[in-house]
Amino acid sequence: MDGKDYGSDLAGASILVIDDEPGMRNFLYKTLQPRVKRIELAGSAEEASTKLDESHFDVVILDNVMPRKTGLEWVTEQRKLGFLADTILITAYADLETAIAALRAGVSDFVLKPFRANQILGAVARTLDRKYLRRDNTLLRHELNAEAQGSKLLGTSEPMAEVRTMLKKLAPLPTPVLFTGASGTGKELAARHLHQLSDRAGRPFVAVNCAAISPDHIAQELFGVNGPGDEMKPGLFLLADGGTLFLDEIAQMPDQVQAALLRVLEDQRVRPIGAEREFPLNLRFLFATNTALEEEVGQGRFRADLYHRMNVVRIHMPPLKDRSEDITELAALFMQQFSATLGLPALDLSGETLLKMRRYDWPGNVRELKNLVERSVILGDFPAEFAGDTRVTGARAIENLEQVMQRHILHVLDLCEGNRAEAARRLGVSRKTIDRRVTAWEG
């Protein structure tokens, strides 16, 4: 075997080899076993189906010519049941008819007989690259749509020290955690911090705001669906497999989805909508709410059994008014971030300004502080109730605001690939406003 590096994805892969010839199964086993995490062998389509019912595989290597049914017939049959593994077809005949049938069945790659060890290793590596690229693209789109926060979990106050101690203690455990606290206290940041401390840090962290997804679509989003043409679209449960799933605003989850979630928590298995097969999961669940779930349970608006399954360990995120000594660190970080992002001068966080900030109650918590700093950088001054000795006023503030508006509108236009109507929709303004401003900037 050559010494070529086929990447870390291969080392973590689980492979199922299906071939009725013992010699070929043995060759593939010897080629792959030293390089992958797990490999299993099946001598028939029936044996392979049983193995798929028991566990999940990243890649299936399949001989097309087998007794009773061809490999392509077997793949087509499995698609109807629910089939997530990418498939590599081994065939001696690469004719057009076979290629079209393979494409329709969703085969990822061909390997022509006879082949060498490096050819099958290369095919598996390419298949895994495409598989994880699709997954990462889907998760990235979800992350961008969710507008996830990128800040660190900051603060050295006693309440935050207690939170950090609890997160460190829970990091190596698979235990579900329920984060509570008012909106803007940093529940998602704490969940991300817990994920980074755990041995799952190299795997996906997927945050889902249950209040932001239509009740009609949340089940498909989470569980996936076996759609038209038996095309399996994995949901966020399966895309996050091996990592951490964070369900925010859990009290907003519809009743029917609560029941399905309870089963996933208890069995660590998920069945996509329209599929007959369940898939095993290796997933840590984290939850968050800013409502009193006990009252929701008492009023019959939230399932008691799900609540008790989620509420194994609870971490309460303290409001900003209870950790006012952290305001200096938070305000300084936000000031640095927005000054760099917006290309505007940072404002002076004078002693007077910081004192006024520490005396304020912050009903919107850290999120309100962050918004205040961003708005102040844009306008060139803090509001009067927070202003200290150093201010930027007059024409300079107006000029800075115009610069920020221009930069933001052009950025949204770039995201929309120049489509002004779509940019206007996203910005909440008329198309004429976009046209007028762009014309002025171009002139």
Protein backbone atom coordinates (compact mmCIF):
# COMPACT_ATOMS: atom_id res chain seq x y z
CA MET A 1 0.00 0.00 0.00
CA ASP A 2 1.34 3.44 -0.85
CA GLY A 3 2.03 6.10 1.74
CA LYS A 4 -0.30 8.70 0.28
CA ASP A 5 -2.28 10.77 2.81
CA TYR A 6 -6.02 10.49 2.07
CA GLY A 7 -7.10 12.96 4.77
CA SER A 8 -8.60 12.85 8.23
CA ASP A 9 -12.12 12.19 6.89
CA LEU A 10 -11.04 8.71 5.80
CA ALA A 11 -9.64 7.93 9.26
CA GLY A 12 -12.99 8.72 10.86
CA ALA A 13 -15.17 6.95 8.31
CA SER A 14 -17.40 3.91 8.69
CA ILE A 15 -17.57 1.73 5.56
CA LEU A 16 -19.87 -1.10 4.47
CA VAL A 17 -18.55 -3.41 1.71
CA ILE A 18 -21.14 -5.48 -0.18
CA ASP A 19 -19.81 -8.15 -2.53
CA ASP A 20 -20.72 -11.81 -3.01
CA GLU A 21 -17.11 -12.76 -3.85
CA PRO A 22 -15.09 -13.61 -0.70
CA GLY A 23 -11.80 -12.72 -2.44
CA MET A 24 -12.97 -9.21 -3.30
CA ARG A 25 -14.39 -8.65 0.21
CA ASN A 26 -11.07 -9.75 1.69
CA PHE A 27 -9.07 -7.46 -0.63
CA LEU A 28 -11.23 -4.43 0.22
CA TYR A 29 -11.08 -5.22 3.92
CA LYS A 30 -7.27 -5.42 3.91
CA THR A 31 -7.04 -2.21 1.88
CA LEU A 32 -9.41 -0.13 3.98
CA GLN A 33 -9.28 -1.55 7.50
CA PRO A 34 -5.95 0.08 8.53
CA ARG A 35 -7.14 3.47 7.31
CA VAL A 36 -10.76 3.81 8.48
CA LYS A 37 -12.54 3.89 11.80
CA ARG A 38 -14.87 0.96 11.11
CA ILE A 39 -15.47 -1.46 8.26
CA GLU A 40 -18.07 -4.20 7.96
CA LEU A 41 -18.61 -6.80 5.24
CA ALA A 42 -21.77 -8.21 3.69
CA GLY A 43 -21.91 -11.11 1.23
CA SER A 44 -25.43 -10.40 -0.01
CA ALA A 45 -27.97 -7.63 -0.39
CA GLU A 46 -30.09 -9.14 2.38
CA GLU A 47 -27.20 -9.16 4.85
CA ALA A 48 -26.36 -5.57 3.89
CA SER A 49 -29.95 -4.43 4.53
CA THR A 50 -29.80 -5.92 8.03
CA LYS A 51 -26.55 -4.10 8.78
CA LEU A 52 -28.03 -0.79 7.60
CA ASP A 53 -30.98 -1.27 9.95
CA GLU A 54 -28.56 -1.70 12.85
CA SER A 55 -26.10 1.14 12.27
CA HIS A 56 -25.15 4.05 10.04
CA PHE A 57 -22.35 4.01 7.45
CA ASP A 58 -20.71 6.97 5.74
CA VAL A 59 -19.90 5.08 2.53
CA VAL A 60 -21.19 1.86 0.96
CA ILE A 61 -18.93 0.08 -1.56
CA LEU A 62 -21.18 -2.09 -3.68
CA ASP A 63 -20.63 -4.64 -6.43
CA ASN A 64 -23.20 -4.24 -9.18
CA VAL A 65 -23.35 -7.91 -10.23
CA MET A 66 -24.74 -10.05 -7.41
CA PRO A 67 -27.17 -12.99 -7.18
CA ARG A 68 -30.94 -12.27 -7.18
CA LYS A 69 -30.65 -8.47 -7.59
CA THR A 70 -28.10 -6.04 -8.94
CA GLY A 71 -26.36 -3.50 -6.79
CA LEU A 72 -28.31 -0.68 -8.46
CA GLU A 73 -31.63 -2.45 -7.79
CA TRP A 74 -30.62 -2.77 -4.14
CA VAL A 75 -29.68 0.93 -3.87
CA THR A 76 -33.00 1.97 -5.45
CA GLU A 77 -34.86 -0.24 -3.01
CA GLN A 78 -32.96 1.20 -0.04
CA ARG A 79 -33.72 4.78 -1.11
CA LYS A 80 -37.41 4.10 -0.53
CA LEU A 81 -36.70 2.93 3.02
CA GLY A 82 -34.35 5.78 3.85
CA PHE A 83 -30.70 5.61 2.82
CA LEU A 84 -28.08 8.21 3.74
CA ALA A 85 -24.75 6.58 2.89
CA ASP A 86 -22.88 7.72 -0.21
CA THR A 87 -22.38 4.81 -2.60
CA ILE A 88 -19.42 3.68 -4.71
CA LEU A 89 -20.35 1.17 -7.40
CA ILE A 90 -17.87 -1.52 -8.46
CA THR A 91 -18.53 -2.63 -12.02
CA ALA A 92 -16.75 -4.19 -14.97
CA TYR A 93 -19.09 -2.49 -17.46
CA ALA A 94 -19.19 1.32 -17.61
CA ASP A 95 -21.73 1.52 -20.45
CA LEU A 96 -24.11 4.48 -20.85
CA GLU A 97 -27.16 2.54 -19.65
CA THR A 98 -25.42 1.58 -16.40
CA ALA A 99 -24.19 5.15 -15.90
CA ILE A 100 -27.69 6.61 -16.32
CA ALA A 101 -29.18 4.03 -13.95
CA ALA A 102 -26.45 4.77 -11.40
CA LEU A 103 -27.10 8.50 -11.65
CA ARG A 104 -30.82 7.97 -11.06
CA ALA A 105 -30.04 5.75 -8.05
CA GLY A 106 -27.82 8.42 -6.53
CA VAL A 107 -24.49 6.61 -6.84
CA SER A 108 -21.56 8.89 -5.93
CA ASP A 109 -18.71 7.25 -7.88
CA PHE A 110 -17.67 4.34 -10.11
CA VAL A 111 -14.64 2.09 -9.76
CA LEU A 112 -13.96 -0.12 -12.79
CA LYS A 113 -12.67 -3.66 -12.42
CA PRO A 114 -9.86 -4.52 -12.22
CA PHE A 115 -8.62 -1.79 -9.85
CA ARG A 116 -5.72 -1.17 -7.48
CA ALA A 117 -5.77 -0.31 -3.80
CA ASN A 118 -4.97 3.35 -4.37
CA GLN A 119 -7.92 3.66 -6.78
CA ILE A 120 -10.50 2.50 -4.23
CA LEU A 121 -8.86 4.63 -1.51
CA GLY A 122 -8.99 7.66 -3.79
CA ALA A 123 -12.66 7.03 -4.63
CA VAL A 124 -13.58 6.76 -0.94
CA ALA A 125 -11.61 9.92 -0.09
CA ARG A 126 -13.32 11.89 -2.90
CA THR A 127 -16.73 10.64 -1.83
CA LEU A 128 -16.12 11.69 1.77
CA ASP A 129 -14.84 15.10 0.65
CA ARG A 130 -18.07 15.73 -1.25
CA LYS A 131 -20.19 14.35 1.57
CA TYR A 132 -18.71 16.65 4.21
CA LEU A 133 -18.61 19.61 1.86
CA ARG A 134 -22.37 19.24 1.36
CA ARG A 135 -22.87 18.95 5.10
CA ASP A 136 -20.67 21.96 5.88
CA ASN A 137 -22.41 24.08 3.22
CA THR A 138 -25.82 23.20 4.64
CA LEU A 139 -24.73 23.98 8.19
CA LEU A 140 -23.08 27.22 7.08
CA ARG A 141 -26.29 28.36 5.41
CA HIS A 142 -28.19 27.48 8.58
CA GLU A 143 -25.65 29.37 10.68
CA LEU A 144 -25.88 32.46 8.47
CA ASN A 145 -29.67 32.36 8.49
CA ALA A 146 -29.66 32.06 12.27
CA GLU A 147 -27.26 35.04 12.54
CA ALA A 148 -25.34 33.18 15.24
CA GLN A 149 -23.26 35.22 17.65
CA GLY A 150 -19.49 35.03 17.32
CA SER A 151 -18.51 36.60 20.63
CA LYS A 152 -16.64 34.86 23.41
CA LEU A 153 -18.11 34.03 26.78
CA LEU A 154 -16.67 36.98 28.68
CA GLY A 155 -16.76 38.12 32.29
CA THR A 156 -14.76 37.53 35.45
CA SER A 157 -17.52 38.27 37.96
CA GLU A 158 -18.50 35.71 40.58
CA PRO A 159 -21.77 34.74 38.82
CA MET A 160 -19.88 34.09 35.56
CA ALA A 161 -17.12 32.22 37.40
CA GLU A 162 -19.81 29.86 38.73
CA VAL A 163 -21.16 29.35 35.20
CA ARG A 164 -17.67 28.56 33.88
CA THR A 165 -17.03 26.08 36.70
CA MET A 166 -20.25 24.24 35.89
CA LEU A 167 -19.51 24.20 32.14
CA LYS A 168 -16.06 22.74 32.77
CA LYS A 169 -17.55 20.04 34.99
CA LEU A 170 -20.18 19.10 32.39
CA ALA A 171 -17.91 19.23 29.33
CA PRO A 172 -16.78 15.56 29.30
CA LEU A 173 -20.31 14.22 29.94
CA PRO A 174 -23.09 13.44 27.41
CA THR A 175 -25.72 14.84 29.79
CA PRO A 176 -28.41 17.18 28.40
CA VAL A 177 -28.18 20.71 29.78
CA LEU A 178 -30.96 23.29 30.08
CA PHE A 179 -29.83 26.94 29.97
CA THR A 180 -32.23 29.42 31.53
CA GLY A 181 -32.18 33.18 31.84
CA ALA A 182 -33.62 36.32 30.31
CA SER A 183 -33.18 37.16 26.65
CA GLY A 184 -29.71 38.50 25.87
CA THR A 185 -27.89 36.90 28.81
CA GLY A 186 -25.67 34.73 26.59
CA LYS A 187 -27.30 31.30 26.72
CA GLU A 188 -26.11 30.38 23.22
CA LEU A 189 -22.59 31.63 23.96
CA ALA A 190 -22.49 29.43 27.06
CA ALA A 191 -23.71 26.46 25.01
CA ARG A 192 -21.00 27.07 22.39
CA HIS A 193 -18.40 27.36 25.16
CA LEU A 194 -19.53 24.00 26.57
CA HIS A 195 -19.23 22.44 23.12
CA GLN A 196 -15.69 23.81 22.68
CA LEU A 197 -14.64 22.38 26.04
CA SER A 198 -15.96 18.90 25.16
CA ASP A 199 -14.42 16.12 23.09
CA ARG A 200 -16.98 17.02 20.40
CA ALA A 201 -15.27 20.35 19.67
CA GLY A 202 -14.08 19.16 16.26
CA ARG A 203 -17.61 18.16 15.24
CA PRO A 204 -20.56 20.42 14.31
CA PHE A 205 -22.29 22.76 16.74
CA VAL A 206 -25.77 23.45 15.38
CA ALA A 207 -27.98 26.12 16.96
CA VAL A 208 -31.72 26.10 16.22
CA ASN A 209 -34.08 28.86 17.30
CA CYS A 210 -37.40 27.06 17.61
CA ALA A 211 -39.31 30.36 17.57
CA ALA A 212 -37.75 31.41 14.25
CA ILE A 213 -38.91 28.37 12.23
CA SER A 214 -42.49 27.98 11.04
CA PRO A 215 -44.37 25.28 13.00
CA ASP A 216 -45.21 23.68 9.64
CA HIS A 217 -41.53 23.31 8.70
CA ILE A 218 -39.68 22.66 11.95
CA ALA A 219 -40.18 18.87 11.82
CA GLN A 220 -38.65 18.65 8.32
CA GLU A 221 -35.84 20.99 9.38
CA LEU A 222 -34.93 18.82 12.36
CA PHE A 223 -35.73 15.27 11.22
CA GLY A 224 -35.16 15.51 7.47
CA VAL A 225 -37.40 14.05 4.81
CA ASN A 226 -37.42 11.25 2.26
CA GLY A 227 -38.60 13.49 -0.57
CA PRO A 228 -39.77 13.08 -4.17
CA GLY A 229 -37.81 10.50 -6.11
CA ASP A 230 -36.76 8.91 -2.81
CA GLU A 231 -34.10 11.59 -2.37
CA MET A 232 -33.09 11.68 1.28
CA LYS A 233 -32.61 15.18 2.68
CA PRO A 234 -31.05 14.81 6.12
CA GLY A 235 -32.29 17.13 8.84
CA LEU A 236 -30.24 18.99 11.42
CA PHE A 237 -30.25 16.00 13.78
CA LEU A 238 -28.31 13.93 11.27
CA LEU A 239 -26.17 16.79 9.98
CA ALA A 240 -25.04 17.51 13.54
CA ASP A 241 -24.30 13.83 14.24
CA GLY A 242 -21.23 13.41 16.41
CA GLY A 243 -21.50 16.99 17.64
CA THR A 244 -23.88 19.17 19.64
CA LEU A 245 -27.41 20.34 18.88
CA PHE A 246 -28.59 23.48 20.71
CA LEU A 247 -32.35 24.06 20.73
CA ASP A 248 -33.12 27.63 21.78
CA GLU A 249 -36.59 28.96 22.67
CA ILE A 250 -37.58 25.34 23.32
CA ALA A 251 -40.92 26.41 24.82
CA GLN A 252 -42.01 27.47 21.31
CA MET A 253 -41.69 23.95 19.88
CA PRO A 254 -45.05 22.60 18.58
CA ASP A 255 -46.71 19.79 20.57
CA GLN A 256 -46.32 17.10 17.91
CA VAL A 257 -42.61 17.86 17.52
CA GLN A 258 -42.15 17.74 21.30
CA ALA A 259 -43.35 14.13 21.29
CA ALA A 260 -40.97 13.18 18.47
CA LEU A 261 -38.07 14.97 20.19
CA LEU A 262 -38.70 13.03 23.39
CA ARG A 263 -38.32 9.77 21.50
CA VAL A 264 -35.07 10.95 19.91
CA LEU A 265 -33.70 11.88 23.33
CA GLU A 266 -34.61 8.51 24.81
CA ASP A 267 -33.53 6.28 21.90
CA GLN A 268 -30.78 8.36 20.23
CA ARG A 269 -32.32 7.38 16.91
CA VAL A 270 -34.13 9.48 14.32
CA ARG A 271 -36.57 8.61 11.55
CA PRO A 272 -36.78 11.18 8.70
CA ILE A 273 -40.29 12.06 7.57
CA GLY A 274 -41.46 9.58 4.95
CA ALA A 275 -38.68 7.07 5.67
CA GLU A 276 -39.16 3.56 7.01
CA ARG A 277 -35.66 3.26 8.49
CA GLU A 278 -34.40 4.86 11.69
CA PHE A 279 -30.84 6.15 11.93
CA PRO A 280 -28.69 5.98 15.06
CA LEU A 281 -27.43 9.26 16.50
CA ASN A 282 -24.39 10.27 18.51
CA LEU A 283 -25.55 13.69 19.57
CA ARG A 284 -25.42 15.88 22.65
CA PHE A 285 -28.51 17.97 23.26
CA LEU A 286 -28.46 21.41 24.85
CA PHE A 287 -31.61 23.47 25.43
CA ALA A 288 -32.42 27.06 26.32
CA THR A 289 -35.47 29.03 27.35
CA ASN A 290 -36.26 32.49 28.66
CA THR A 291 -39.65 31.40 29.99
CA ALA A 292 -40.58 29.50 33.14
CA LEU A 293 -41.00 25.98 31.73
CA GLU A 294 -42.49 24.75 35.01
CA GLU A 295 -45.42 27.12 34.46
CA GLU A 296 -45.74 26.03 30.83
CA VAL A 297 -45.92 22.41 32.00
CA GLY A 298 -48.49 23.32 34.65
CA GLN A 299 -50.63 25.07 32.03
CA GLY A 300 -50.41 22.08 29.70
CA ARG A 301 -48.47 23.99 27.05
CA PHE A 302 -45.30 21.91 27.36
CA ARG A 303 -44.92 18.15 27.84
CA ALA A 304 -43.97 17.21 31.40
CA ASP A 305 -42.05 14.08 30.29
CA LEU A 306 -39.96 16.09 27.83
CA TYR A 307 -39.30 18.78 30.44
CA HIS A 308 -37.97 16.24 32.94
CA ARG A 309 -35.84 14.58 30.25
CA MET A 310 -34.30 17.94 29.33
CA ASN A 311 -33.91 19.28 32.84
CA VAL A 312 -31.16 16.90 34.01
CA VAL A 313 -28.76 19.77 34.70
CA ARG A 314 -29.75 23.43 34.67
CA ILE A 315 -27.47 26.43 34.24
CA HIS A 316 -28.98 29.84 34.92
CA MET A 317 -27.34 32.71 33.05
CA PRO A 318 -27.20 35.80 35.29
CA PRO A 319 -28.63 39.13 34.07
CA LEU A 320 -26.09 41.83 33.28
CA LYS A 321 -27.25 43.99 36.23
CA ASP A 322 -26.08 41.19 38.58
CA ARG A 323 -22.58 41.18 37.11
CA SER A 324 -22.00 44.86 36.43
CA GLU A 325 -18.25 44.45 37.02
CA ASP A 326 -18.11 42.65 33.63
CA ILE A 327 -19.43 45.70 31.75
CA THR A 328 -15.98 47.24 31.26
CA GLU A 329 -14.61 44.12 29.54
CA LEU A 330 -17.75 43.64 27.44
CA ALA A 331 -18.01 47.27 26.34
CA ALA A 332 -14.31 47.39 25.41
CA LEU A 333 -14.63 44.23 23.28
CA PHE A 334 -17.76 45.47 21.48
CA MET A 335 -16.12 48.85 20.88
CA GLN A 336 -13.09 47.19 19.29
CA GLN A 337 -15.25 44.88 17.16
CA PHE A 338 -17.58 47.54 15.77
CA SER A 339 -14.83 50.09 15.20
CA ALA A 340 -12.93 47.53 13.09
CA THR A 341 -16.01 46.18 11.30
CA LEU A 342 -17.54 49.56 10.45
CA GLY A 343 -14.25 51.34 9.77
CA LEU A 344 -15.12 54.12 12.21
CA PRO A 345 -13.17 55.58 15.13
CA ALA A 346 -13.68 54.00 18.53
CA LEU A 347 -15.26 56.14 21.19
CA ASP A 348 -13.58 56.83 24.51
CA LEU A 349 -14.92 54.61 27.30
CA SER A 350 -14.26 57.20 29.98
CA GLY A 351 -14.65 56.55 33.67
CA GLU A 352 -17.85 58.59 33.67
CA THR A 353 -19.35 56.57 30.82
CA LEU A 354 -18.46 53.25 32.44
CA LEU A 355 -19.86 54.40 35.78
CA LYS A 356 -23.17 55.32 34.13
CA MET A 357 -23.21 51.95 32.36
CA ARG A 358 -22.69 50.10 35.64
CA ARG A 359 -25.54 52.01 37.28
CA TYR A 360 -27.99 51.15 34.48
CA ASP A 361 -30.28 48.07 34.87
CA TRP A 362 -29.86 46.71 31.29
CA PRO A 363 -33.27 45.04 30.81
CA GLY A 364 -31.99 43.75 27.45
CA ASN A 365 -28.84 42.40 29.10
CA VAL A 366 -25.62 41.86 27.09
CA ARG A 367 -27.48 42.16 23.80
CA GLU A 368 -28.68 45.64 24.77
CA LEU A 369 -25.14 46.68 25.70
CA LYS A 370 -23.84 45.38 22.38
CA ASN A 371 -26.52 47.25 20.43
CA LEU A 372 -25.79 50.45 22.37
CA VAL A 373 -22.08 50.32 21.52
CA GLU A 374 -22.79 49.63 17.82
CA ARG A 375 -25.27 52.50 17.57
CA SER A 376 -22.90 54.86 19.41
CA VAL A 377 -19.99 54.04 17.09
CA ILE A 378 -22.21 54.72 14.05
CA LEU A 379 -23.47 58.07 15.40
CA GLY A 380 -20.11 59.11 16.84
CA ASP A 381 -21.38 59.64 20.37
CA PHE A 382 -22.99 57.87 23.31
CA PRO A 383 -26.56 58.81 24.23
CA ALA A 384 -26.77 61.61 26.78
CA GLU A 385 -27.52 59.20 29.64
CA PHE A 386 -24.19 57.43 29.04
CA ALA A 387 -22.03 60.25 27.61
CA GLY A 388 -18.71 61.08 29.25
CA ASP A 389 -16.21 63.79 28.45
CA THR A 390 -15.18 62.79 24.89
CA ARG A 391 -17.67 63.07 22.03
CA VAL A 392 -17.71 63.14 18.22
CA THR A 393 -20.46 65.45 17.02
CA GLY A 394 -21.78 67.54 14.15
CA ALA A 395 -20.75 67.04 10.50
CA ARG A 396 -18.31 64.25 11.36
CA ALA A 397 -21.07 62.10 12.86
CA ILE A 398 -23.30 62.72 9.80
CA GLU A 399 -20.46 61.83 7.46
CA ASN A 400 -19.73 58.65 9.40
CA LEU A 401 -23.36 57.60 9.33
CA GLU A 402 -23.52 58.09 5.55
CA GLN A 403 -20.37 55.99 5.15
CA VAL A 404 -21.87 53.18 7.22
CA MET A 405 -25.12 53.25 5.25
CA GLN A 406 -23.21 53.07 1.97
CA ARG A 407 -21.03 50.21 3.17
CA HIS A 408 -24.01 48.25 4.47
CA ILE A 409 -26.17 48.70 1.37
CA LEU A 410 -23.31 47.72 -0.95
CA HIS A 411 -22.59 44.68 1.23
CA VAL A 412 -26.22 43.52 0.99
CA LEU A 413 -26.18 44.11 -2.78
CA ASP A 414 -23.09 41.94 -3.01
CA LEU A 415 -24.83 39.17 -1.03
CA CYS A 416 -27.76 39.43 -3.46
CA GLU A 417 -25.40 39.29 -6.46
CA GLY A 418 -26.45 42.79 -7.57
CA ASN A 419 -30.20 42.09 -7.45
CA ARG A 420 -31.51 45.47 -6.26
CA ALA A 421 -35.09 44.28 -5.72
CA GLU A 422 -33.92 41.49 -3.40
CA ALA A 423 -31.53 43.87 -1.60
CA ALA A 424 -34.39 46.33 -1.06
CA ARG A 425 -36.55 43.51 0.37
CA ARG A 426 -33.84 42.45 2.81
CA LEU A 427 -33.15 46.03 3.88
CA GLY A 428 -36.84 46.88 4.27
CA VAL A 429 -36.71 49.87 1.89
CA SER A 430 -38.13 50.61 -1.54
CA ARG A 431 -36.35 49.72 -4.78
CA LYS A 432 -36.32 53.44 -5.66
CA THR A 433 -34.32 54.18 -2.49
CA ILE A 434 -31.64 51.67 -3.52
CA ASP A 435 -31.55 53.03 -7.09
CA ARG A 436 -31.28 56.62 -5.91
CA ARG A 437 -28.46 55.98 -3.46
CA VAL A 438 -26.44 53.76 -5.83
CA THR A 439 -26.76 56.37 -8.56
CA ALA A 440 -25.51 59.07 -6.19
CA TRP A 441 -22.52 56.97 -5.14
CA GLU A 442 -21.62 56.08 -8.73
CA GLY A 443 -21.83 59.75 -9.75
